[in-house]
Protein backbone atom coordinates (compact mmCIF):
# COMPACT_ATOMS: atom_id res chain seq x y z
CA MET A 1 170.70 139.88 100.80
CA SER A 2 168.70 142.75 102.29
CA MET A 3 164.87 143.03 101.72
CA GLU A 4 162.78 146.09 101.77
CA GLY A 5 160.30 146.75 104.47
CA ASN A 6 159.67 148.41 107.81
CA ALA A 7 161.56 147.83 110.98
CA ILE A 8 160.39 147.54 114.62
CA VAL A 9 162.50 148.09 117.72
CA ALA A 10 161.51 147.22 121.29
CA GLN A 11 162.94 147.03 124.73
CA SER A 12 162.26 144.45 127.38
CA GLY A 13 163.05 143.57 131.01
CA GLY A 14 164.76 145.82 133.70
CA PRO A 15 166.01 149.09 132.37
CA THR A 16 169.52 150.23 132.43
CA ALA A 17 171.54 153.39 132.31
CA VAL A 18 172.37 152.81 128.74
CA ILE A 19 169.58 150.69 127.01
CA ASN A 20 168.50 153.86 125.20
CA ALA A 21 171.76 154.28 123.72
CA SER A 22 171.29 150.80 122.21
CA ALA A 23 167.89 151.99 120.87
CA CYS A 24 169.47 155.08 119.61
CA GLY A 25 172.21 153.04 117.79
CA VAL A 26 169.26 150.92 116.13
CA ILE A 27 167.05 153.95 115.34
CA GLN A 28 169.66 156.28 113.70
CA GLU A 29 171.32 153.44 111.66
CA ALA A 30 167.97 152.17 110.55
CA MET A 31 166.83 155.60 109.35
CA LYS A 32 169.79 155.75 107.08
CA THR A 33 169.53 152.17 105.89
CA ASP A 34 168.04 152.19 102.26
CA ALA A 35 166.21 148.72 102.72
CA ILE A 36 164.33 149.98 105.68
CA THR A 37 161.32 152.14 104.76
CA GLY A 38 159.97 153.11 108.11
CA VAL A 39 161.17 152.64 111.68
CA PHE A 40 158.64 151.89 114.44
CA ALA A 41 158.83 151.32 118.20
CA GLY A 42 156.76 148.66 120.16
CA HIS A 43 155.59 150.51 123.17
CA ASN A 44 156.28 148.40 126.18
CA GLY A 45 158.27 145.74 124.54
CA VAL A 46 156.65 142.82 122.97
CA LEU A 47 153.37 143.67 124.85
CA GLY A 48 153.09 146.80 122.61
CA VAL A 49 153.52 144.36 119.65
CA LEU A 50 150.92 142.03 120.91
CA ASN A 51 148.58 144.99 121.58
CA GLU A 52 149.28 146.66 118.38
CA ASP A 53 150.65 149.69 120.38
CA ILE A 54 153.18 150.82 117.93
CA PHE A 55 154.46 154.44 117.20
CA ASP A 56 156.46 155.94 114.46
CA LEU A 57 159.71 157.01 115.33
CA GLY A 58 160.13 158.65 111.87
CA GLN A 59 157.69 161.36 113.45
CA GLU A 60 159.75 161.99 116.38
CA ASP A 61 162.14 165.10 116.92
CA PRO A 62 165.67 163.99 115.85
CA ASP A 63 166.95 165.77 118.74
CA GLN A 64 164.78 163.53 120.94
CA ILE A 65 166.30 160.57 119.38
CA GLU A 66 169.87 161.69 119.83
CA LEU A 67 168.96 162.67 123.69
CA LEU A 68 168.57 158.84 124.08
CA LYS A 69 172.23 158.58 124.52
CA SER A 70 171.96 160.43 127.81
CA SER A 71 168.66 159.37 128.98
CA PRO A 72 168.25 156.45 131.58
CA SER A 73 165.66 153.68 131.70
CA SER A 74 163.51 152.50 128.70
CA ALA A 75 162.24 155.41 126.63
CA LEU A 76 160.35 152.88 124.45
CA GLY A 77 158.82 151.37 127.40
CA SER A 78 159.58 147.85 128.54
CA CYS A 79 157.81 144.72 130.00
CA ARG A 80 158.32 141.61 131.64
CA TYR A 81 155.82 139.48 129.53
CA LYS A 82 156.89 135.79 129.36
CA LEU A 83 156.41 133.97 125.92
CA LYS A 84 157.05 130.30 126.56
CA ASP A 85 157.68 127.72 123.85
CA LEU A 86 156.03 127.87 120.53
CA GLN A 87 153.42 125.15 121.47
CA SER A 88 152.43 126.89 124.83
CA SER A 89 152.44 130.39 123.47
CA ARG A 90 151.87 129.88 119.92
CA ALA A 91 148.80 132.30 119.81
CA ASP A 92 151.07 135.13 121.06
CA TYR A 93 153.74 134.46 118.37
CA GLU A 94 151.06 134.14 115.71
CA ARG A 95 149.62 137.43 116.84
CA ILE A 96 152.96 139.11 116.56
CA LEU A 97 153.28 137.92 112.97
CA GLU A 98 149.78 139.16 112.39
CA VAL A 99 150.76 142.57 113.44
CA PHE A 100 154.03 142.53 111.39
CA ARG A 101 152.06 141.48 108.19
CA ALA A 102 149.56 144.35 108.76
CA HIS A 103 152.25 146.98 108.96
CA ASP A 104 154.74 145.58 106.44
CA ILE A 105 157.31 144.87 108.97
CA HIS A 106 160.35 142.75 108.08
CA TYR A 107 162.95 143.86 110.49
CA PHE A 108 162.71 143.05 114.29
CA PHE A 109 165.40 144.45 116.70
CA TYR A 110 164.74 143.27 120.39
CA ILE A 111 166.96 144.79 123.11
CA GLY A 112 167.06 142.63 126.26
CA GLY A 113 168.38 139.71 128.09
CA ASN A 114 168.20 135.92 128.17
CA ASP A 115 164.37 135.83 127.89
CA SER A 116 164.22 138.40 125.18
CA MET A 117 166.61 136.45 123.13
CA ASP A 118 164.60 133.32 123.50
CA THR A 119 161.48 135.20 122.48
CA ALA A 120 163.30 136.70 119.44
CA GLN A 121 164.58 133.10 118.49
CA LYS A 122 161.30 131.58 118.59
CA LEU A 123 159.62 134.26 116.63
CA SER A 124 162.27 133.88 113.87
CA GLN A 125 161.51 130.12 113.92
CA LEU A 126 157.69 130.54 113.45
CA ALA A 127 158.31 133.28 110.63
CA ASP A 128 160.36 130.84 108.85
CA GLU A 129 157.60 128.16 109.15
CA GLU A 130 154.88 130.50 108.01
CA ASP A 131 157.09 131.85 105.22
CA TRP A 132 156.93 135.42 106.33
CA PRO A 133 160.25 137.20 105.50
CA LEU A 134 161.64 138.52 108.71
CA ILE A 135 164.96 139.45 109.88
CA VAL A 136 165.51 139.15 113.71
CA MET A 137 168.37 140.47 115.37
CA GLY A 138 169.09 140.43 119.19
CA VAL A 139 170.76 143.42 121.06
CA PRO A 140 172.19 142.57 124.41
CA LYS A 141 171.18 144.32 127.58
CA THR A 142 171.53 143.52 131.26
CA ILE A 143 173.15 144.95 134.28
CA ASP A 144 173.62 141.38 135.56
CA ASN A 145 176.30 140.68 133.03
CA ASP A 146 175.28 137.04 132.93
CA LEU A 147 174.55 136.74 129.14
CA ALA A 148 176.43 133.89 127.31
CA GLY A 149 178.37 134.46 124.43
CA THR A 150 179.67 138.02 125.05
CA ASP A 151 182.54 139.17 127.03
CA HIS A 152 180.53 141.61 128.92
CA CYS A 153 176.98 143.18 128.38
CA PRO A 154 175.91 146.81 127.84
CA GLY A 155 174.56 148.11 131.15
CA TYR A 156 177.08 146.42 133.35
CA GLY A 157 179.92 149.03 133.22
CA SER A 158 177.68 151.71 134.33
CA VAL A 159 176.08 149.77 137.18
CA ALA A 160 179.49 148.58 138.16
CA LYS A 161 180.75 152.09 138.44
CA TYR A 162 177.55 153.31 140.27
CA ASN A 163 177.69 150.75 142.89
CA ALA A 164 181.42 150.85 143.55
CA THR A 165 181.25 154.64 143.85
CA ILE A 166 178.34 154.26 146.37
CA ALA A 167 180.38 151.70 148.33
CA MET A 168 183.24 154.14 148.51
CA GLU A 169 181.05 157.04 149.69
CA ALA A 170 179.09 155.12 152.15
CA GLY A 171 182.25 153.51 153.26
CA ARG A 172 183.49 156.97 154.13
CA ASP A 173 180.44 157.61 156.20
CA THR A 174 180.87 154.46 158.11
CA GLU A 175 184.49 155.35 158.76
CA ALA A 176 183.66 158.74 160.03
CA LEU A 177 181.12 157.45 162.54
CA TYR A 178 182.49 154.02 163.23
CA THR A 179 182.20 154.80 166.97
CA HIS A 180 178.33 155.01 166.54
CA ASP A 181 177.54 153.05 163.22
CA THR A 182 180.22 150.46 163.42
CA ALA A 183 179.12 148.30 160.48
CA THR A 184 177.22 148.43 157.24
CA VAL A 185 175.91 145.86 154.78
CA MET A 186 175.05 147.00 151.27
CA GLU A 187 172.99 144.98 148.98
CA THR A 188 173.37 144.90 145.02
CA MET A 189 171.35 143.22 142.50
CA GLY A 190 172.29 139.98 140.80
CA ARG A 191 170.10 136.90 141.08
CA ASN A 192 172.35 134.03 140.43
CA ALA A 193 175.48 135.84 139.30
CA GLY A 194 177.62 138.19 141.45
CA TRP A 195 179.12 140.42 138.82
CA ILE A 196 177.65 143.68 140.38
CA ALA A 197 178.70 142.91 143.90
CA ALA A 198 182.20 141.92 142.65
CA ALA A 199 182.73 145.11 140.95
CA CYS A 200 182.30 146.83 144.28
CA GLY A 201 185.41 145.14 145.27
CA VAL A 202 187.56 147.52 143.04
CA ALA A 203 186.92 150.39 145.55
CA HIS A 204 188.91 148.45 148.19
CA ARG A 205 192.36 150.04 147.35
CA SER A 206 193.74 149.94 150.77
CA PRO A 207 192.95 147.90 153.90
CA GLU A 208 190.98 150.90 155.25
CA ASP A 209 188.79 151.33 152.28
CA ALA A 210 185.24 149.79 151.82
CA PRO A 211 184.30 147.37 151.04
CA HIS A 212 186.06 145.23 153.43
CA LEU A 213 184.13 142.01 152.52
CA VAL A 214 182.42 141.04 149.37
CA TYR A 215 180.19 137.92 148.94
CA LEU A 216 178.85 136.59 145.76
CA PRO A 217 175.94 134.03 145.03
CA GLU A 218 178.75 131.88 143.18
CA ILE A 219 180.14 130.86 146.56
CA PRO A 220 177.83 129.01 149.04
CA PHE A 221 177.18 131.15 151.90
CA SER A 222 177.64 130.39 155.44
CA ILE A 223 176.46 132.43 158.40
CA GLU A 224 178.90 131.11 160.69
CA ARG A 225 181.93 132.02 158.23
CA PHE A 226 180.09 135.36 157.72
CA VAL A 227 180.24 136.16 161.29
CA ALA A 228 183.94 135.12 161.70
CA ASP A 229 184.95 137.31 158.81
CA CYS A 230 183.19 140.26 160.27
CA LYS A 231 184.73 139.90 163.68
CA LYS A 232 188.26 139.56 162.12
CA VAL A 233 187.66 142.65 160.30
CA TYR A 234 186.28 144.62 163.29
CA ASN A 235 189.20 143.37 165.35
CA ASP A 236 191.75 144.79 162.81
CA ILE A 237 190.23 148.09 161.84
CA GLY A 238 187.40 148.84 164.33
CA ARG A 239 184.62 148.84 161.64
CA VAL A 240 183.25 146.61 158.95
CA PHE A 241 181.76 147.36 155.43
CA VAL A 242 180.08 144.47 153.56
CA VAL A 243 178.72 144.17 149.95
CA VAL A 244 176.46 141.26 149.18
CA GLY A 245 174.69 140.18 145.85
CA GLU A 246 170.92 139.75 146.60
CA GLY A 247 171.20 136.03 145.48
CA LEU A 248 173.28 134.67 148.09
CA ASN A 249 172.50 131.06 148.88
CA ASP A 250 173.78 128.05 150.56
CA GLY A 251 174.81 126.26 147.55
CA GLU A 252 171.55 124.05 147.70
CA GLY A 253 169.17 126.63 146.19
CA ASN A 254 168.08 128.06 149.48
CA TYR A 255 168.43 131.84 149.24
CA VAL A 256 169.57 133.89 152.38
CA ALA A 257 166.51 136.21 151.82
CA GLU A 258 163.47 135.54 149.60
CA GLN A 259 160.10 137.54 149.44
CA GLY A 260 157.28 135.24 150.10
CA GLY A 261 153.41 135.72 149.59
CA GLN A 262 151.59 136.82 146.58
CA PHE A 263 154.66 138.70 145.26
CA GLY A 264 157.12 135.87 145.64
CA LYS A 265 157.58 135.19 141.85
CA ASP A 266 157.99 137.61 138.84
CA ALA A 267 156.52 137.41 135.46
CA PHE A 268 159.02 135.05 134.43
CA GLY A 269 158.75 132.77 137.45
CA HIS A 270 161.83 133.82 139.05
CA THR A 271 161.89 134.06 142.89
CA GLN A 272 161.70 137.70 143.93
CA LEU A 273 164.86 138.41 145.94
CA GLY A 274 165.34 141.25 148.44
CA GLY A 275 166.04 141.51 152.15
CA VAL A 276 169.50 139.92 152.45
CA ALA A 277 171.10 143.34 153.63
CA GLU A 278 168.52 143.57 156.41
CA THR A 279 168.74 139.90 157.33
CA LEU A 280 172.64 140.21 157.55
CA ARG A 281 172.27 143.54 159.53
CA ASP A 282 170.33 141.59 162.20
CA VAL A 283 173.11 138.91 162.33
CA VAL A 284 175.84 141.37 162.80
CA GLN A 285 174.22 143.18 165.47
CA GLU A 286 173.21 139.83 167.25
CA GLU A 287 176.20 137.75 166.65
CA VAL A 288 179.11 140.29 166.28
CA GLY A 289 177.53 142.59 168.86
CA ILE A 290 178.02 145.86 167.08
CA LYS A 291 175.60 148.36 165.68
CA CYS A 292 174.84 147.89 161.83
CA ARG A 293 173.08 149.79 159.07
CA TYR A 294 172.14 148.47 155.69
CA ILE A 295 171.80 149.92 152.44
CA LYS A 296 169.51 148.61 149.61
CA MET A 297 170.29 150.22 146.31
CA GLY A 298 167.02 149.01 144.53
CA THR A 299 166.27 150.02 141.20
CA ALA A 300 168.26 153.32 141.38
CA GLN A 301 171.34 151.52 140.56
CA ARG A 302 170.36 150.42 137.20
CA ASN A 303 169.15 153.93 136.04
CA GLY A 304 171.99 156.07 137.21
CA ILE A 305 172.91 157.85 134.02
CA HIS A 306 174.41 160.80 135.94
CA PHE A 307 177.55 158.85 136.60
CA ALA A 308 177.31 156.23 134.13
CA SER A 309 180.32 154.92 132.20
CA ARG A 310 181.19 156.48 128.87
CA THR A 311 182.86 153.23 127.72
CA ASP A 312 179.51 151.35 128.46
CA ARG A 313 177.52 154.15 126.68
CA ASP A 314 179.47 153.91 123.58
CA GLU A 315 179.39 150.21 123.57
CA ALA A 316 175.70 150.13 123.98
CA TYR A 317 175.28 152.38 120.98
CA GLU A 318 177.49 150.37 118.85
CA VAL A 319 175.84 147.07 119.41
CA GLY A 320 172.57 148.71 118.32
CA ARG A 321 174.13 150.23 115.41
CA ARG A 322 175.78 146.91 114.34
CA ALA A 323 172.64 144.89 114.57
CA VAL A 324 171.01 146.96 111.94
CA GLN A 325 174.06 146.81 109.57
CA HIS A 326 174.15 142.91 109.86
CA ALA A 327 170.43 142.97 109.24
CA ALA A 328 170.80 145.05 106.19
CA GLU A 329 173.10 142.32 105.05
CA GLY A 330 170.45 139.56 105.51
CA THR A 331 171.80 138.28 108.76
CA SER A 332 169.16 136.91 111.06
CA GLY A 333 168.70 134.90 114.27
CA LEU A 334 171.76 136.28 116.04
CA MET A 335 172.65 138.55 118.76
CA VAL A 336 175.42 141.14 118.57
CA THR A 337 178.19 140.56 121.16
CA LEU A 338 181.03 142.52 122.57
CA GLU A 339 184.50 141.02 122.31
CA ARG A 340 187.66 142.31 124.21
CA LYS A 341 190.61 142.66 121.72
CA SER A 342 192.95 144.02 124.16
CA ALA A 343 193.24 145.02 127.76
CA ALA A 344 195.84 147.66 127.92
CA PRO A 345 194.92 149.89 125.93
CA TYR A 346 191.19 148.70 126.10
CA GLN A 347 189.84 147.95 122.81
CA PHE A 348 186.68 146.10 121.89
CA ASP A 349 184.97 144.64 118.68
CA THR A 350 181.49 143.22 117.95
CA GLY A 351 180.72 139.65 117.06
CA LEU A 352 177.59 137.39 116.65
CA VAL A 353 176.21 134.58 118.69
CA GLU A 354 173.15 132.34 118.08
CA LEU A 355 170.10 133.53 119.87
CA ASP A 356 169.26 130.07 121.34
CA LEU A 357 172.84 129.82 122.93
CA VAL A 358 172.12 132.97 124.57
CA ALA A 359 168.61 132.09 125.74
CA ASN A 360 169.85 128.84 127.29
CA GLY A 361 173.05 130.12 128.89
CA GLU A 362 174.27 131.93 132.03
CA LYS A 363 177.64 133.35 132.57
CA MET A 364 178.91 133.16 136.11
CA VAL A 365 181.71 135.07 137.94
CA PRO A 366 184.78 132.71 137.32
CA ARG A 367 186.35 131.30 140.36
CA GLU A 368 189.50 132.70 139.62
CA PHE A 369 188.03 136.28 139.91
CA ILE A 370 187.04 135.46 143.60
CA ASN A 371 189.52 135.26 146.44
CA GLU A 372 190.35 131.95 147.97
CA ALA A 373 188.30 132.78 151.16
CA GLY A 374 185.27 133.48 149.11
CA ASN A 375 184.85 137.06 150.74
CA GLY A 376 186.46 139.39 148.20
CA ILE A 377 187.80 139.60 144.67
CA THR A 378 191.10 139.01 142.83
CA GLN A 379 193.11 141.23 140.57
CA ALA A 380 191.81 139.36 137.65
CA MET A 381 188.39 140.68 138.49
CA VAL A 382 189.77 144.25 138.75
CA ASP A 383 191.51 143.98 135.40
CA TYR A 384 188.38 142.65 134.06
CA VAL A 385 185.76 145.41 135.05
CA SER A 386 188.04 148.62 135.38
CA PRO A 387 188.16 149.25 131.65
CA LEU A 388 184.34 148.98 131.61
CA MET A 389 183.83 151.80 134.00
CA GLN A 390 186.05 154.44 132.26
CA GLY A 391 184.75 157.84 131.18
CA GLU A 392 181.65 159.82 131.98
CA VAL A 393 178.46 160.59 129.84
CA ASP A 394 177.76 164.18 129.07
CA ILE A 395 174.33 165.10 130.58
CA ARG A 396 172.10 167.96 129.11
CA ILE A 397 171.19 170.19 132.10
CA GLY A 398 167.88 172.06 132.25
CA ASP A 399 167.56 175.66 133.50
CA ASP A 400 166.44 174.26 136.77
CA GLY A 401 169.74 172.56 137.31
CA LEU A 402 168.19 169.16 136.86
CA PRO A 403 169.07 166.70 133.80
CA VAL A 404 167.02 166.73 130.73
CA TYR A 405 165.76 163.36 129.33
CA THR A 406 163.98 162.19 126.24
CA ARG A 407 160.21 162.25 126.20
CA PHE A 408 158.74 160.87 122.90
CA ALA A 409 155.63 162.31 121.28
CA ARG A 410 154.65 158.72 120.44
CA HIS A 411 152.56 159.21 117.36
CA ASN A 412 150.72 155.95 117.16
CA LEU A 413 150.32 153.85 114.15
CA GLU A 414 146.61 153.35 113.07
CA LYS A 415 145.56 149.84 114.16
CA LYS A 416 144.75 147.41 111.42
CA CYS A 417 144.30 144.24 113.37
CA PRO A 418 141.33 142.95 115.36
CA ALA A 419 141.67 143.60 119.03
CA ARG A 420 143.55 141.08 120.94
CA GLU A 421 141.67 138.51 122.95
């Protein structure tokens, strides 16, 4: 049974090319839902709620909301603010409910990954304890594709397409100049799961095509085996192009490259990774004896809307829309999932999974998606990811020849609560 009240939507964690499409799905569906009387946004995720930094989406230009479908990054603002368990972070959770009460908010849609789903689940739990009627729905987002309970995640198809294309293009550069720049190591994101690096393997259509070698965090990494693999490819075709996930490790928790010092951990306590491509570039030059360049895609890979997957964009919009529909029916404490109904032709549907199962789970690349040698992918991986990379997103272009993206006016709500301590 639905209840009447305001809704708030917020985005969390690293942006993606299509996270705004999910926000668009939530906003547009919420605005035509009778039970929802107002639609607000938390500026910069849960931090915006904590600081009562909330703006009214009902006052935004509908064209700017529609433009979310082809705008990258997080137009509502994002954050990496870690709320722990209810005991440790109870003051924060109670502050959120205080803000919700002040603004008559009874619907909360949180777009994010594992940690965001954990926050949403605990907030739902506290609302029940304190008898505040609140419907909480999770909307999946992550380029890493590691959320449990869903076939794949919005954001993954686009980053897969982007990186695989870059591997193809940079691979042609290495091929053209192999007498001078004989090897290249390309680094993709992916802390523990190698889904992004694995997707690059789709570009290897022939023995000549890059990438010739692909290494994922799921397989313990050996420098000695890596050197042997590079020497073999070099002897066979005279050049080497390698794709590696940033989370390469030896299987015992030791990463090939870790960023130390004061920036060694992020807000969630995760080790900051980066530099594996540079490290392996040095290995190639010293141990294989050939010149090697390295490519670090950085944050550009997760915001590349200019060559995003239309399939990914459409699915991102649909999970947002369905979250509102389920909420209007009284469903709470769940995350919308994507379910693959058929492979050829590719068809999907949505489902639901409990928030705590997502928060405490992590989906890795299955062993059958990785070749026996551990340095490439199998046809099963190609079949899995190829449908997710199909189609292109129509981008609005300005008079200057550059894309036009959403920019909200952000009409802030009047603050009703005491300033946060």
